[in-house]
Protein backbone atom coordinates (compact mmCIF):
# COMPACT_ATOMS: atom_id res chain seq x y z
CA UNK A 1 0.06 0.06 0.03
CA UNK A 2 1.32 3.44 -0.98
CA UNK A 3 1.35 6.11 1.83
CA UNK A 4 1.20 9.82 1.33
CA UNK A 5 2.71 12.42 3.56
CA UNK A 6 1.30 15.99 3.28
CA UNK A 7 3.87 18.81 3.93
CA UNK A 8 3.75 22.54 3.48
CA UNK A 9 5.60 22.08 0.16
CA UNK A 10 3.34 19.46 -1.34
CA UNK A 11 2.45 15.75 -1.11
CA UNK A 12 5.18 13.10 -0.83
CA UNK A 13 4.14 9.82 -2.27
CA UNK A 14 6.03 7.05 -0.52
CA UNK A 15 7.20 3.94 -2.37
CA UNK A 16 5.36 0.72 -1.63
CA UNK A 17 7.10 -1.66 0.77
CA UNK A 18 8.15 -4.02 -2.03
CA UNK A 19 10.03 -1.14 -3.92
CA UNK A 20 11.56 0.11 -0.64
CA UNK A 21 12.81 -3.42 0.02
CA UNK A 22 14.27 -3.97 -3.47
CA UNK A 23 15.78 -0.52 -4.10
CA UNK A 24 16.42 1.01 -0.68
CA UNK A 25 17.08 -1.73 1.86
CA UNK A 26 20.67 -2.70 2.47
CA UNK A 27 19.62 -6.28 2.99
CA UNK A 28 19.28 -6.47 -0.85
CA UNK A 29 22.73 -4.96 -1.42
CA UNK A 30 24.23 -8.46 -1.99
CA UNK A 31 21.77 -9.05 -4.87
CA UNK A 32 22.71 -5.76 -6.53
CA UNK A 33 26.45 -6.63 -5.95
CA UNK A 34 25.94 -9.73 -8.10
CA UNK A 35 24.07 -7.87 -10.78
CA UNK A 36 26.47 -4.97 -11.05
CA UNK A 37 29.52 -7.29 -10.98
CA UNK A 38 28.12 -9.23 -13.90
CA UNK A 39 27.24 -6.17 -15.88
CA UNK A 40 30.51 -4.41 -14.99
CA UNK A 41 32.54 -7.42 -16.08
CA UNK A 42 30.72 -7.50 -19.41
CA UNK A 43 31.52 -3.85 -20.12
CA UNK A 44 35.08 -4.25 -18.92
CA UNK A 45 35.68 -7.31 -21.02
CA UNK A 46 34.30 -5.58 -24.15
CA UNK A 47 36.44 -2.53 -23.51
CA UNK A 48 39.65 -4.48 -22.87
CA UNK A 49 39.19 -6.39 -26.13
CA UNK A 50 39.13 -3.10 -27.98
CA UNK A 51 42.28 -1.72 -26.16
CA UNK A 52 44.62 -3.78 -28.20
CA UNK A 53 42.89 -3.08 -31.52
CA UNK A 54 44.39 -0.22 -33.58
CA UNK A 55 41.11 0.02 -35.52
CA UNK A 56 39.55 1.32 -32.36
CA UNK A 57 42.38 3.29 -30.67
CA UNK A 58 44.23 4.67 -33.70
CA UNK A 59 42.25 4.84 -36.85
CA UNK A 60 38.66 4.37 -35.67
CA UNK A 61 38.04 2.17 -38.69
CA UNK A 62 36.16 -0.41 -36.57
CA UNK A 63 33.58 2.06 -35.55
CA UNK A 64 33.52 3.54 -39.02
CA UNK A 65 32.67 0.10 -40.47
CA UNK A 66 29.92 -0.36 -37.83
CA UNK A 67 28.29 2.92 -38.64
CA UNK A 68 28.67 2.41 -42.45
CA UNK A 69 26.80 -0.91 -42.11
CA UNK A 70 24.17 0.45 -39.83
CA UNK A 71 23.04 3.30 -42.17
CA UNK A 72 22.59 1.20 -45.16
CA UNK A 73 19.01 1.12 -46.65
CA UNK A 74 18.34 -2.17 -48.48
CA UNK A 75 16.25 -2.33 -51.69
CA UNK A 76 14.04 -4.94 -49.91
CA UNK A 77 13.39 -5.62 -46.28
CA UNK A 78 13.97 -3.39 -43.33
CA UNK A 79 16.94 -1.11 -42.79
CA UNK A 80 19.17 -1.77 -39.71
CA UNK A 81 18.22 1.67 -38.20
CA UNK A 82 14.50 1.91 -37.82
CA UNK A 83 14.36 5.74 -37.29
CA UNK A 84 15.36 8.12 -40.07
CA UNK A 85 16.49 10.78 -37.65
CA UNK A 86 18.96 8.46 -35.92
CA UNK A 87 20.22 7.35 -39.41
CA UNK A 88 20.77 10.99 -40.29
CA UNK A 89 22.57 11.51 -36.96
CA UNK A 90 24.99 8.61 -37.69
CA UNK A 91 25.47 9.87 -41.22
CA UNK A 92 26.53 13.16 -39.98
CA UNK A 93 29.05 11.74 -37.69
CA UNK A 94 30.45 9.73 -40.60
CA UNK A 95 30.63 12.79 -42.85
CA UNK A 96 32.47 14.67 -40.12
CA UNK A 97 34.95 11.93 -39.59
CA UNK A 98 33.99 11.68 -35.88
CA UNK A 99 34.77 7.95 -35.70
CA UNK A 100 38.42 8.76 -35.33
CA UNK A 101 37.90 10.23 -31.82
CA UNK A 102 34.47 8.72 -31.09
CA UNK A 103 36.01 5.18 -31.13
CA UNK A 104 38.32 6.11 -28.34
CA UNK A 105 35.42 7.50 -26.32
CA UNK A 106 33.54 4.25 -26.73
CA UNK A 107 36.47 2.26 -25.49
CA UNK A 108 37.06 4.59 -22.52
CA UNK A 109 33.34 4.54 -21.70
CA UNK A 110 33.19 0.78 -21.67
CA UNK A 111 36.31 0.34 -19.55
CA UNK A 112 35.30 3.10 -17.04
CA UNK A 113 31.75 1.92 -16.65
CA UNK A 114 32.92 -1.56 -16.13
CA UNK A 115 35.46 -0.63 -13.44
CA UNK A 116 32.97 1.71 -11.67
CA UNK A 117 30.27 -1.01 -11.52
CA UNK A 118 32.62 -3.68 -10.31
CA UNK A 119 34.17 -1.54 -7.48
CA UNK A 120 30.81 0.01 -6.74
CA UNK A 121 31.72 3.65 -7.21
CA UNK A 122 28.87 6.04 -8.23
CA UNK A 123 26.82 2.99 -9.37
CA UNK A 124 23.78 4.95 -10.34
CA UNK A 125 25.74 7.27 -12.74
CA UNK A 126 27.76 4.39 -14.18
CA UNK A 127 24.72 2.29 -14.82
CA UNK A 128 22.99 5.27 -16.41
CA UNK A 129 25.97 5.79 -18.77
CA UNK A 130 26.10 2.01 -19.54
CA UNK A 131 22.42 2.02 -20.28
CA UNK A 132 22.80 4.99 -22.56
CA UNK A 133 25.47 3.18 -24.54
CA UNK A 134 23.11 0.09 -24.69
CA UNK A 135 20.41 2.48 -25.98
CA UNK A 136 22.67 3.75 -28.82
CA UNK A 137 23.85 0.26 -29.81
CA UNK A 138 20.27 -0.90 -30.05
CA UNK A 139 19.27 2.22 -32.06
CA UNK A 140 22.13 1.37 -34.45
CA UNK A 141 20.79 -2.05 -34.96
CA UNK A 142 22.99 -4.13 -32.59
CA UNK A 143 20.61 -6.08 -30.39
CA UNK A 144 22.95 -8.84 -29.07
CA UNK A 145 22.92 -8.57 -25.26
CA UNK A 146 22.28 -4.81 -25.17
CA UNK A 147 18.60 -5.32 -24.30
CA UNK A 148 19.23 -7.35 -21.17
CA UNK A 149 22.17 -5.19 -20.19
CA UNK A 150 19.99 -2.10 -20.62
CA UNK A 151 17.21 -3.54 -18.34
CA UNK A 152 19.97 -4.45 -15.72
CA UNK A 153 21.29 -0.89 -15.93
CA UNK A 154 17.88 0.56 -15.40
CA UNK A 155 17.32 -1.49 -12.28
CA UNK A 156 20.74 -0.47 -11.00
CA UNK A 157 19.87 3.10 -11.49
CA UNK A 158 16.69 2.56 -9.43
CA UNK A 159 18.73 0.82 -6.71
CA UNK A 160 21.43 3.50 -6.69
CA UNK A 161 21.27 4.06 -2.86
CA UNK A 162 22.24 0.51 -2.04
CA UNK A 163 23.62 -1.01 -5.21
CA UNK A 164 27.15 0.09 -4.08
CA UNK A 165 26.65 -0.58 -0.47
CA UNK A 166 29.21 -3.37 -0.74
CA UNK A 167 31.72 -1.13 -2.68
CA UNK A 168 33.01 2.37 -2.67
CA UNK A 169 29.65 3.98 -2.60
CA UNK A 170 29.30 2.98 1.03
CA UNK A 171 31.84 5.74 1.70
CA UNK A 172 31.40 7.99 -1.29
CA UNK A 173 27.68 8.58 -0.88
CA UNK A 174 28.13 9.42 2.77
CA UNK A 175 30.99 11.80 1.88
CA UNK A 176 28.68 13.54 -0.64
CA UNK A 177 26.08 13.94 2.08
CA UNK A 178 23.75 11.10 1.06
CA UNK A 179 23.91 8.80 4.03
CA UNK A 180 21.83 5.66 4.60
CA UNK A 181 19.33 5.99 7.32
CA UNK A 182 19.69 3.08 9.75
CA UNK A 183 16.46 1.61 11.02
CA UNK A 184 16.09 2.56 14.78
CA UNK A 185 16.33 -0.25 17.32
CA UNK A 186 12.99 -0.86 18.93
CA UNK A 187 12.82 0.53 22.37
CA UNK A 188 11.19 -1.90 24.81
CA UNK A 189 8.24 -0.40 26.67
CA UNK A 190 7.85 -1.27 30.33
CA UNK A 191 4.56 -1.30 31.96
CA UNK A 192 4.32 1.53 34.51
CA UNK A 193 3.51 0.50 38.05
CA UNK A 194 0.42 2.14 39.45
CA UNK A 195 1.13 4.67 42.04
CA UNK A 196 0.30 3.54 45.56
CA UNK A 197 -1.11 6.04 47.77
CA UNK A 198 -0.05 5.80 51.31
CA UNK A 199 -2.99 5.71 53.77
CA UNK A 200 -3.80 9.12 55.30
């Protein structure tokens, strides 16, 4: 059941108990540790593979080939990119030769997102950036595992408060002024003894 708290500034709609447990309770931090480690390793592995490839870090030809194949419109059947505005965007990057520096940005993004997720540093931001890369890969026609990774990134963003609890966020978020609120210990209530009046 969702509760509402009325304040002078407006109405605060609280999350239902299930959402609070999944995304705000540190008892679920172990689960998000597993999710972020798997997603992070996937990104890190993809980035490391590109680090030794001159077509990514020097010429950018690997990204150029990917973009060139993505913008093709076949005579029959569906094009790889479903939206004309996105195809025009990729075409403009190709015309500008942006692949020479954009390829380096892709590699850096994959490596940094992977490392951040694995060590639990700014998990919400890292997951958002990873999801953004997944979105662009899907828009460019590369489904592969991007759909699954994108969904995992979305849930990691929702769980940003606890996803890095077993990681650097346990200290970074407190340092930034976003501490976790510990549940107060229940205070035992003792029955009060009735006052005895002394006889007059």
